[in-house]
Amino acid sequence: MQKQFVLFISILMIPFALDAQSELSHTDTDSSEVRFRIALASLNSYVPTVQESERMLIPAWGLEFEYFIDHQWAIAGNFELELLNYIVETGEEEAISRDYPFIASLLLIHEFNNRLVLSAGYGKEFEPRKNFDLLTFTASYKVPLSQNWDLSPGITYNSRFNAYDSWSLGLAIGKSF
């Protein structure tokens, strides 16, 4: 199921990549246009395989730095710190203890009409006992506020290689400059 989901998302991104090539030739670069965005997020992650005696929602803080290549495409560094210790059971009856894991990822972002935002990327989850590589996919919706500020509710799917998956709901406040 996990491989099919990754393949499905990858196939969905192909038309946007092709569309971006045609739009680059029509875009004029103005030095005064907004190129950077920084956002702070509050997240709650749901780990479906957490032991029943543990909490199912894991709070986290996130920080994202974005650089816009043009008005639709950006690259970003995303950083999250989960604020609990928890135990995850993998499919092989193995238990994995996680103590305040930290996630760092590099994302490719596509914005539609400056509102709907889809991103995908590769990252790593760091934790004292064991680190995991992961793929991350996010869908969010930017609500513009005044003076280049925005509010963005979003949902994120993190797929850790040979380990466990998680879903996160979050709310970010961002500033573009």
N, C-alpha and C. Protein backbone atom coordinates (compact mmCIF):
# COMPACT_ATOMS: atom_id res chain seq x y z
N MET A 1 0.82 -1.20 0.00
CA MET A 1 0.00 0.00 0.00
C MET A 1 0.86 1.26 0.00
N GLN A 2 1.95 1.22 0.77
CA GLN A 2 2.83 2.38 0.88
C GLN A 2 3.48 2.69 -0.47
N LYS A 3 3.94 1.67 -1.18
CA LYS A 3 4.58 1.88 -2.47
C LYS A 3 3.59 2.44 -3.49
N GLN A 4 2.34 1.96 -3.45
CA GLN A 4 1.34 2.48 -4.38
C GLN A 4 1.04 3.94 -4.09
N PHE A 5 1.01 4.34 -2.83
CA PHE A 5 0.74 5.74 -2.48
C PHE A 5 1.86 6.64 -2.99
N VAL A 6 3.11 6.22 -2.78
CA VAL A 6 4.26 7.00 -3.26
C VAL A 6 4.23 7.11 -4.77
N LEU A 7 3.95 6.01 -5.46
CA LEU A 7 3.86 6.02 -6.92
C LEU A 7 2.73 6.94 -7.39
N PHE A 8 1.58 6.89 -6.74
CA PHE A 8 0.44 7.73 -7.10
C PHE A 8 0.80 9.21 -6.98
N ILE A 9 1.40 9.61 -5.87
CA ILE A 9 1.79 11.01 -5.67
C ILE A 9 2.84 11.43 -6.70
N SER A 10 3.80 10.55 -6.98
CA SER A 10 4.83 10.87 -7.97
C SER A 10 4.23 11.11 -9.34
N ILE A 11 3.28 10.28 -9.73
CA ILE A 11 2.63 10.45 -11.03
C ILE A 11 1.83 11.74 -11.07
N LEU A 12 1.20 12.10 -9.95
CA LEU A 12 0.44 13.36 -9.90
C LEU A 12 1.33 14.58 -10.11
N MET A 13 2.58 14.51 -9.69
CA MET A 13 3.48 15.66 -9.78
C MET A 13 4.03 15.88 -11.20
N ILE A 14 4.00 14.88 -12.08
CA ILE A 14 4.58 15.00 -13.42
C ILE A 14 3.96 16.13 -14.23
N PRO A 15 2.63 16.25 -14.32
CA PRO A 15 2.07 17.35 -15.12
C PRO A 15 2.48 18.73 -14.62
N PHE A 16 2.65 18.88 -13.31
CA PHE A 16 3.04 20.17 -12.77
C PHE A 16 4.48 20.50 -13.15
N ALA A 17 5.33 19.50 -13.19
CA ALA A 17 6.72 19.72 -13.60
C ALA A 17 6.79 20.13 -15.07
N LEU A 18 5.99 19.49 -15.91
CA LEU A 18 5.97 19.84 -17.33
C LEU A 18 5.40 21.24 -17.53
N ASP A 19 4.36 21.58 -16.78
CA ASP A 19 3.76 22.90 -16.87
C ASP A 19 4.73 23.99 -16.44
N ALA A 20 5.56 23.69 -15.45
CA ALA A 20 6.51 24.68 -14.95
C ALA A 20 7.53 25.05 -16.00
N GLN A 21 7.94 24.10 -16.84
CA GLN A 21 8.91 24.40 -17.87
C GLN A 21 8.37 25.41 -18.86
N SER A 22 7.11 25.30 -19.22
CA SER A 22 6.54 26.24 -20.18
C SER A 22 6.33 27.62 -19.55
N GLU A 23 6.07 27.67 -18.25
CA GLU A 23 5.82 28.95 -17.60
C GLU A 23 7.09 29.72 -17.29
N LEU A 24 8.22 29.03 -17.19
CA LEU A 24 9.47 29.74 -16.90
C LEU A 24 9.82 30.74 -17.99
N SER A 25 9.52 30.42 -19.22
CA SER A 25 9.86 31.33 -20.31
C SER A 25 8.97 32.56 -20.32
N HIS A 26 7.79 32.51 -19.68
CA HIS A 26 6.87 33.64 -19.67
C HIS A 26 7.00 34.51 -18.43
N THR A 27 7.83 34.08 -17.49
CA THR A 27 7.95 34.80 -16.22
C THR A 27 9.07 35.81 -16.31
N ASP A 28 8.78 37.06 -15.96
CA ASP A 28 9.85 38.05 -15.88
C ASP A 28 10.26 38.18 -14.43
N THR A 29 11.54 38.28 -14.20
CA THR A 29 12.03 38.35 -12.83
C THR A 29 12.16 39.80 -12.41
N ASP A 30 11.46 40.13 -11.35
CA ASP A 30 11.50 41.48 -10.79
C ASP A 30 12.16 41.38 -9.43
N SER A 31 13.18 42.17 -9.20
CA SER A 31 13.93 42.08 -7.95
C SER A 31 13.08 42.45 -6.74
N SER A 32 11.95 43.13 -6.95
CA SER A 32 11.12 43.53 -5.81
C SER A 32 10.07 42.48 -5.45
N GLU A 33 9.94 41.42 -6.24
CA GLU A 33 8.91 40.43 -5.93
C GLU A 33 9.31 39.57 -4.74
N VAL A 34 8.32 38.99 -4.09
CA VAL A 34 8.52 38.18 -2.89
C VAL A 34 9.21 36.87 -3.30
N ARG A 35 10.30 36.54 -2.62
CA ARG A 35 11.06 35.33 -2.94
C ARG A 35 11.18 34.36 -1.77
N PHE A 36 11.04 34.84 -0.54
CA PHE A 36 11.27 34.00 0.63
C PHE A 36 10.02 33.96 1.51
N ARG A 37 9.89 32.85 2.24
CA ARG A 37 8.81 32.71 3.22
C ARG A 37 9.35 31.89 4.38
N ILE A 38 9.02 32.31 5.57
CA ILE A 38 9.35 31.55 6.78
C ILE A 38 8.04 31.31 7.51
N ALA A 39 7.87 30.10 8.04
CA ALA A 39 6.62 29.76 8.72
C ALA A 39 6.90 28.95 9.98
N LEU A 40 6.09 29.19 10.99
CA LEU A 40 6.12 28.45 12.24
C LEU A 40 4.81 27.69 12.34
N ALA A 41 4.89 26.38 12.65
CA ALA A 41 3.69 25.55 12.67
C ALA A 41 3.54 24.82 14.00
N SER A 42 2.29 24.64 14.39
CA SER A 42 1.93 23.78 15.50
C SER A 42 1.24 22.57 14.90
N LEU A 43 1.73 21.37 15.24
CA LEU A 43 1.24 20.14 14.61
C LEU A 43 0.79 19.14 15.65
N ASN A 44 -0.09 18.25 15.24
CA ASN A 44 -0.45 17.07 16.01
C ASN A 44 -0.35 15.88 15.08
N SER A 45 0.54 14.93 15.42
CA SER A 45 0.77 13.77 14.57
C SER A 45 0.01 12.57 15.10
N TYR A 46 -0.58 11.82 14.18
CA TYR A 46 -1.27 10.58 14.52
C TYR A 46 -0.42 9.43 14.00
N VAL A 47 0.01 8.56 14.92
CA VAL A 47 0.79 7.39 14.55
C VAL A 47 -0.12 6.18 14.73
N PRO A 48 -0.61 5.58 13.64
CA PRO A 48 -1.59 4.49 13.74
C PRO A 48 -1.09 3.26 14.49
N THR A 49 0.21 3.04 14.57
CA THR A 49 0.71 1.82 15.18
C THR A 49 1.24 2.00 16.60
N VAL A 50 0.91 3.09 17.24
CA VAL A 50 1.35 3.30 18.63
C VAL A 50 0.61 2.32 19.53
N GLN A 51 1.30 1.81 20.55
CA GLN A 51 0.67 0.89 21.49
C GLN A 51 -0.56 1.53 22.11
N GLU A 52 -1.56 0.71 22.39
CA GLU A 52 -2.84 1.23 22.89
C GLU A 52 -2.72 1.99 24.20
N SER A 53 -1.75 1.66 25.04
CA SER A 53 -1.62 2.33 26.33
C SER A 53 -1.00 3.72 26.20
N GLU A 54 -0.45 4.05 25.05
CA GLU A 54 0.20 5.34 24.83
C GLU A 54 -0.76 6.32 24.17
N ARG A 55 -0.39 7.60 24.20
CA ARG A 55 -1.17 8.62 23.50
C ARG A 55 -1.07 8.41 21.99
N MET A 56 -2.15 8.69 21.30
CA MET A 56 -2.16 8.52 19.86
C MET A 56 -1.79 9.80 19.13
N LEU A 57 -2.01 10.95 19.75
CA LEU A 57 -1.66 12.23 19.13
C LEU A 57 -0.37 12.75 19.74
N ILE A 58 0.58 13.05 18.88
CA ILE A 58 1.87 13.54 19.34
C ILE A 58 2.02 15.00 18.92
N PRO A 59 2.12 15.94 19.88
CA PRO A 59 2.28 17.35 19.52
C PRO A 59 3.69 17.61 18.98
N ALA A 60 3.78 18.60 18.10
CA ALA A 60 5.08 18.94 17.51
C ALA A 60 5.09 20.41 17.11
N TRP A 61 6.29 20.96 16.99
CA TRP A 61 6.50 22.30 16.45
C TRP A 61 7.27 22.15 15.15
N GLY A 62 6.95 23.01 14.20
CA GLY A 62 7.64 22.97 12.91
C GLY A 62 8.10 24.34 12.48
N LEU A 63 9.17 24.36 11.70
CA LEU A 63 9.72 25.59 11.14
C LEU A 63 10.08 25.31 9.69
N GLU A 64 9.67 26.20 8.79
CA GLU A 64 9.92 25.99 7.36
C GLU A 64 10.50 27.25 6.74
N PHE A 65 11.53 27.06 5.91
CA PHE A 65 12.15 28.14 5.15
C PHE A 65 11.94 27.83 3.67
N GLU A 66 11.30 28.75 2.94
CA GLU A 66 10.99 28.53 1.53
C GLU A 66 11.69 29.56 0.66
N TYR A 67 12.14 29.11 -0.52
CA TYR A 67 12.69 30.01 -1.53
C TYR A 67 11.90 29.77 -2.81
N PHE A 68 11.26 30.83 -3.32
CA PHE A 68 10.44 30.72 -4.52
C PHE A 68 11.28 30.93 -5.77
N ILE A 69 11.29 29.94 -6.63
CA ILE A 69 11.99 30.00 -7.91
C ILE A 69 11.21 30.88 -8.87
N ASP A 70 9.90 30.74 -8.84
CA ASP A 70 8.98 31.62 -9.57
C ASP A 70 7.70 31.71 -8.75
N HIS A 71 6.62 32.22 -9.32
CA HIS A 71 5.40 32.45 -8.53
C HIS A 71 4.68 31.16 -8.15
N GLN A 72 5.06 30.00 -8.73
CA GLN A 72 4.39 28.75 -8.40
C GLN A 72 5.29 27.71 -7.73
N TRP A 73 6.57 27.75 -7.99
CA TRP A 73 7.48 26.70 -7.52
C TRP A 73 8.45 27.23 -6.47
N ALA A 74 8.69 26.38 -5.47
CA ALA A 74 9.63 26.74 -4.40
C ALA A 74 10.35 25.49 -3.92
N ILE A 75 11.48 25.70 -3.29
CA ILE A 75 12.16 24.64 -2.55
C ILE A 75 12.18 25.08 -1.09
N ALA A 76 12.17 24.10 -0.20
CA ALA A 76 12.07 24.46 1.22
C ALA A 76 12.86 23.49 2.09
N GLY A 77 13.32 24.02 3.21
CA GLY A 77 13.85 23.22 4.29
C GLY A 77 12.80 23.19 5.38
N ASN A 78 12.43 22.00 5.82
CA ASN A 78 11.37 21.84 6.82
C ASN A 78 11.95 21.12 8.04
N PHE A 79 11.65 21.62 9.23
CA PHE A 79 12.18 21.06 10.46
C PHE A 79 11.06 20.90 11.47
N GLU A 80 10.96 19.71 12.09
CA GLU A 80 9.91 19.44 13.08
C GLU A 80 10.52 18.76 14.30
N LEU A 81 10.00 19.12 15.46
CA LEU A 81 10.40 18.48 16.71
C LEU A 81 9.14 17.96 17.39
N GLU A 82 9.08 16.62 17.56
CA GLU A 82 7.95 16.01 18.26
C GLU A 82 8.21 16.12 19.76
N LEU A 83 7.15 16.39 20.52
CA LEU A 83 7.31 16.77 21.93
C LEU A 83 6.96 15.68 22.93
N LEU A 84 6.98 14.41 22.51
CA LEU A 84 6.67 13.31 23.42
C LEU A 84 7.60 12.13 23.18
N ASN A 85 7.69 11.27 24.18
CA ASN A 85 8.30 9.95 24.02
C ASN A 85 7.16 8.98 23.75
N TYR A 86 7.37 8.03 22.84
CA TYR A 86 6.32 7.06 22.55
C TYR A 86 6.94 5.79 21.98
N ILE A 87 6.15 4.73 21.94
CA ILE A 87 6.60 3.44 21.42
C ILE A 87 5.72 3.07 20.24
N VAL A 88 6.37 2.64 19.17
CA VAL A 88 5.67 2.25 17.94
C VAL A 88 5.91 0.77 17.72
N GLU A 89 4.86 0.05 17.35
CA GLU A 89 5.00 -1.36 16.99
C GLU A 89 5.06 -1.46 15.47
N THR A 90 6.09 -2.13 14.96
CA THR A 90 6.18 -2.34 13.52
C THR A 90 5.45 -3.63 13.17
N GLY A 91 5.33 -3.93 11.90
CA GLY A 91 4.64 -5.13 11.44
C GLY A 91 5.31 -6.41 11.87
N GLU A 92 6.60 -6.38 12.21
CA GLU A 92 7.34 -7.59 12.59
C GLU A 92 7.28 -7.85 14.10
N GLU A 93 6.31 -7.30 14.79
CA GLU A 93 6.17 -7.45 16.24
C GLU A 93 7.33 -6.82 17.00
N GLU A 94 8.04 -5.93 16.37
CA GLU A 94 9.15 -5.23 17.01
C GLU A 94 8.64 -3.89 17.53
N ALA A 95 9.06 -3.51 18.72
CA ALA A 95 8.69 -2.21 19.28
C ALA A 95 9.85 -1.24 19.12
N ILE A 96 9.54 -0.04 18.67
CA ILE A 96 10.54 1.00 18.47
C ILE A 96 10.20 2.15 19.41
N SER A 97 11.14 2.49 20.28
CA SER A 97 10.95 3.61 21.20
C SER A 97 11.44 4.89 20.53
N ARG A 98 10.65 5.95 20.61
CA ARG A 98 11.01 7.24 20.00
C ARG A 98 11.02 8.30 21.09
N ASP A 99 12.16 8.95 21.28
CA ASP A 99 12.31 10.00 22.29
C ASP A 99 12.54 11.34 21.61
N TYR A 100 11.54 12.17 21.60
CA TYR A 100 11.61 13.51 21.01
C TYR A 100 12.30 13.52 19.64
N PRO A 101 11.77 12.78 18.67
CA PRO A 101 12.42 12.75 17.36
C PRO A 101 12.38 14.11 16.67
N PHE A 102 13.43 14.38 15.91
CA PHE A 102 13.58 15.61 15.14
C PHE A 102 13.61 15.24 13.66
N ILE A 103 12.79 15.90 12.86
CA ILE A 103 12.70 15.61 11.42
C ILE A 103 13.23 16.81 10.64
N ALA A 104 14.13 16.54 9.70
CA ALA A 104 14.63 17.55 8.77
C ALA A 104 14.37 17.03 7.36
N SER A 105 13.76 17.87 6.51
CA SER A 105 13.46 17.42 5.15
C SER A 105 13.63 18.55 4.15
N LEU A 106 13.87 18.16 2.90
CA LEU A 106 13.99 19.08 1.77
C LEU A 106 12.77 18.85 0.88
N LEU A 107 12.03 19.92 0.58
CA LEU A 107 10.76 19.80 -0.12
C LEU A 107 10.76 20.55 -1.45
N LEU A 108 9.99 20.02 -2.39
CA LEU A 108 9.64 20.72 -3.62
C LEU A 108 8.19 21.14 -3.46
N ILE A 109 7.91 22.42 -3.65
CA ILE A 109 6.57 22.98 -3.39
C ILE A 109 5.98 23.52 -4.68
N HIS A 110 4.68 23.27 -4.86
CA HIS A 110 3.94 23.86 -5.98
C HIS A 110 2.70 24.55 -5.43
N GLU A 111 2.55 25.85 -5.77
CA GLU A 111 1.39 26.64 -5.33
C GLU A 111 0.43 26.83 -6.49
N PHE A 112 -0.86 26.68 -6.20
CA PHE A 112 -1.91 26.91 -7.18
C PHE A 112 -2.66 28.17 -6.78
N ASN A 113 -2.66 29.19 -7.62
CA ASN A 113 -3.40 30.44 -7.37
C ASN A 113 -3.05 31.08 -6.03
N ASN A 114 -1.82 30.93 -5.58
CA ASN A 114 -1.36 31.48 -4.30
C ASN A 114 -2.18 31.02 -3.11
N ARG A 115 -2.87 29.90 -3.22
CA ARG A 115 -3.71 29.40 -2.12
C ARG A 115 -3.41 27.93 -1.80
N LEU A 116 -3.77 27.04 -2.73
CA LEU A 116 -3.57 25.61 -2.52
C LEU A 116 -2.09 25.28 -2.72
N VAL A 117 -1.51 24.57 -1.77
CA VAL A 117 -0.09 24.25 -1.81
C VAL A 117 0.10 22.75 -1.65
N LEU A 118 0.84 22.14 -2.59
CA LEU A 118 1.22 20.74 -2.49
C LEU A 118 2.73 20.66 -2.43
N SER A 119 3.24 19.79 -1.56
CA SER A 119 4.69 19.63 -1.48
C SER A 119 5.04 18.16 -1.27
N ALA A 120 6.22 17.80 -1.73
CA ALA A 120 6.74 16.45 -1.56
C ALA A 120 8.24 16.56 -1.35
N GLY A 121 8.78 15.63 -0.57
CA GLY A 121 10.21 15.70 -0.35
C GLY A 121 10.77 14.51 0.39
N TYR A 122 12.06 14.57 0.58
CA TYR A 122 12.83 13.53 1.26
C TYR A 122 13.39 14.13 2.55
N GLY A 123 13.43 13.30 3.60
CA GLY A 123 13.97 13.79 4.85
C GLY A 123 14.54 12.69 5.71
N LYS A 124 14.90 13.06 6.91
CA LYS A 124 15.45 12.11 7.86
C LYS A 124 14.90 12.44 9.25
N GLU A 125 14.54 11.38 9.97
CA GLU A 125 14.10 11.53 11.36
C GLU A 125 15.26 11.12 12.25
N PHE A 126 15.68 12.05 13.10
CA PHE A 126 16.81 11.81 14.00
C PHE A 126 16.29 11.57 15.41
N GLU A 127 16.84 10.53 16.04
CA GLU A 127 16.43 10.16 17.39
C GLU A 127 17.62 9.42 18.00
N PRO A 128 17.85 9.51 19.33
CA PRO A 128 19.07 8.92 19.91
C PRO A 128 19.28 7.44 19.62
N ARG A 129 18.22 6.64 19.52
CA ARG A 129 18.39 5.20 19.34
C ARG A 129 18.53 4.79 17.87
N LYS A 130 17.67 5.35 17.00
CA LYS A 130 17.67 4.92 15.60
C LYS A 130 17.11 6.03 14.73
N ASN A 131 17.78 6.30 13.61
CA ASN A 131 17.33 7.30 12.65
C ASN A 131 16.64 6.62 11.48
N PHE A 132 15.67 7.32 10.87
CA PHE A 132 14.95 6.78 9.72
C PHE A 132 14.95 7.79 8.58
N ASP A 133 15.11 7.28 7.36
CA ASP A 133 14.87 8.09 6.17
C ASP A 133 13.37 8.12 5.95
N LEU A 134 12.86 9.19 5.33
CA LEU A 134 11.42 9.27 5.11
C LEU A 134 11.08 10.08 3.86
N LEU A 135 9.89 9.82 3.36
CA LEU A 135 9.28 10.63 2.31
C LEU A 135 8.15 11.40 2.97
N THR A 136 7.97 12.64 2.58
CA THR A 136 6.92 13.46 3.17
C THR A 136 6.09 14.13 2.07
N PHE A 137 4.79 14.17 2.28
CA PHE A 137 3.84 14.79 1.35
C PHE A 137 2.91 15.68 2.15
N THR A 138 2.68 16.90 1.67
CA THR A 138 1.84 17.86 2.39
C THR A 138 0.88 18.55 1.44
N ALA A 139 -0.33 18.76 1.92
CA ALA A 139 -1.33 19.60 1.24
C ALA A 139 -1.77 20.65 2.24
N SER A 140 -1.74 21.92 1.82
CA SER A 140 -2.17 23.00 2.71
C SER A 140 -2.89 24.07 1.91
N TYR A 141 -3.52 24.98 2.62
CA TYR A 141 -4.27 26.06 1.99
C TYR A 141 -3.89 27.37 2.67
N LYS A 142 -3.30 28.29 1.91
CA LYS A 142 -2.88 29.58 2.46
C LYS A 142 -4.04 30.56 2.52
N VAL A 143 -4.25 31.13 3.68
CA VAL A 143 -5.24 32.19 3.85
C VAL A 143 -4.45 33.48 4.05
N PRO A 144 -4.48 34.40 3.07
CA PRO A 144 -3.69 35.62 3.20
C PRO A 144 -4.20 36.52 4.32
N LEU A 145 -3.25 37.08 5.05
CA LEU A 145 -3.54 38.09 6.06
C LEU A 145 -2.89 39.38 5.56
N SER A 146 -2.77 40.37 6.38
CA SER A 146 -2.20 41.64 5.92
C SER A 146 -0.67 41.62 5.85
N GLN A 147 -0.11 42.45 4.99
CA GLN A 147 1.32 42.72 4.87
C GLN A 147 2.17 41.46 4.71
N ASN A 148 1.81 40.60 3.75
CA ASN A 148 2.55 39.38 3.40
C ASN A 148 2.55 38.31 4.49
N TRP A 149 1.63 38.37 5.42
CA TRP A 149 1.44 37.31 6.41
C TRP A 149 0.37 36.37 5.90
N ASP A 150 0.45 35.09 6.30
CA ASP A 150 -0.59 34.12 5.93
C ASP A 150 -0.78 33.10 7.03
N LEU A 151 -1.93 32.46 7.01
CA LEU A 151 -2.28 31.38 7.92
C LEU A 151 -2.55 30.16 7.05
N SER A 152 -1.94 29.01 7.38
CA SER A 152 -2.03 27.83 6.52
C SER A 152 -2.37 26.58 7.30
N PRO A 153 -3.62 26.12 7.24
CA PRO A 153 -3.92 24.79 7.77
C PRO A 153 -3.44 23.75 6.76
N GLY A 154 -2.98 22.60 7.26
CA GLY A 154 -2.47 21.59 6.34
C GLY A 154 -2.48 20.20 6.93
N ILE A 155 -2.29 19.22 6.03
CA ILE A 155 -2.18 17.82 6.42
C ILE A 155 -0.92 17.25 5.79
N THR A 156 -0.18 16.46 6.57
CA THR A 156 1.10 15.90 6.12
C THR A 156 1.10 14.40 6.33
N TYR A 157 1.67 13.69 5.37
CA TYR A 157 1.87 12.24 5.47
C TYR A 157 3.38 11.99 5.44
N ASN A 158 3.90 11.33 6.48
CA ASN A 158 5.32 10.95 6.54
C ASN A 158 5.42 9.44 6.48
N SER A 159 6.20 8.95 5.53
CA SER A 159 6.42 7.51 5.37
C SER A 159 7.88 7.21 5.67
N ARG A 160 8.13 6.61 6.82
CA ARG A 160 9.49 6.25 7.20
C ARG A 160 9.84 4.91 6.57
N PHE A 161 11.02 4.82 5.95
CA PHE A 161 11.44 3.60 5.26
C PHE A 161 11.60 2.47 6.27
N ASN A 162 11.00 1.33 5.99
CA ASN A 162 11.10 0.12 6.81
C ASN A 162 10.74 0.36 8.27
N ALA A 163 9.78 1.22 8.51
CA ALA A 163 9.40 1.51 9.90
C ALA A 163 7.90 1.75 10.00
N TYR A 164 7.49 2.98 10.18
CA TYR A 164 6.09 3.29 10.40
C TYR A 164 5.73 4.57 9.67
N ASP A 165 4.44 4.82 9.51
CA ASP A 165 3.94 6.01 8.84
C ASP A 165 3.18 6.87 9.85
N SER A 166 3.05 8.15 9.54
CA SER A 166 2.27 9.03 10.41
C SER A 166 1.56 10.09 9.58
N TRP A 167 0.47 10.59 10.13
CA TRP A 167 -0.29 11.70 9.56
C TRP A 167 -0.22 12.85 10.54
N SER A 168 -0.11 14.07 10.04
CA SER A 168 -0.08 15.25 10.91
C SER A 168 -1.07 16.29 10.41
N LEU A 169 -1.77 16.90 11.35
CA LEU A 169 -2.59 18.07 11.06
C LEU A 169 -1.90 19.25 11.71
N GLY A 170 -1.82 20.35 10.97
CA GLY A 170 -1.09 21.48 11.51
C GLY A 170 -1.68 22.81 11.10
N LEU A 171 -1.25 23.84 11.79
CA LEU A 171 -1.62 25.21 11.48
C LEU A 171 -0.34 26.03 11.53
N ALA A 172 -0.03 26.70 10.41
CA ALA A 172 1.20 27.48 10.32
C ALA A 172 0.87 28.95 10.10
N ILE A 173 1.72 29.80 10.64
CA ILE A 173 1.65 31.22 10.34
C ILE A 173 2.95 31.57 9.64
N GLY A 174 2.82 32.22 8.47
CA GLY A 174 3.99 32.49 7.66
C GLY A 174 4.13 33.95 7.29
N LYS A 175 5.36 34.35 6.99
CA LYS A 175 5.67 35.70 6.55
C LYS A 175 6.51 35.60 5.28
N SER A 176 6.04 36.26 4.22
CA SER A 176 6.77 36.30 2.95
C SER A 176 7.51 37.62 2.85
N PHE A 177 8.70 37.58 2.26
CA PHE A 177 9.48 38.81 2.09
C PHE A 177 10.41 38.68 0.89
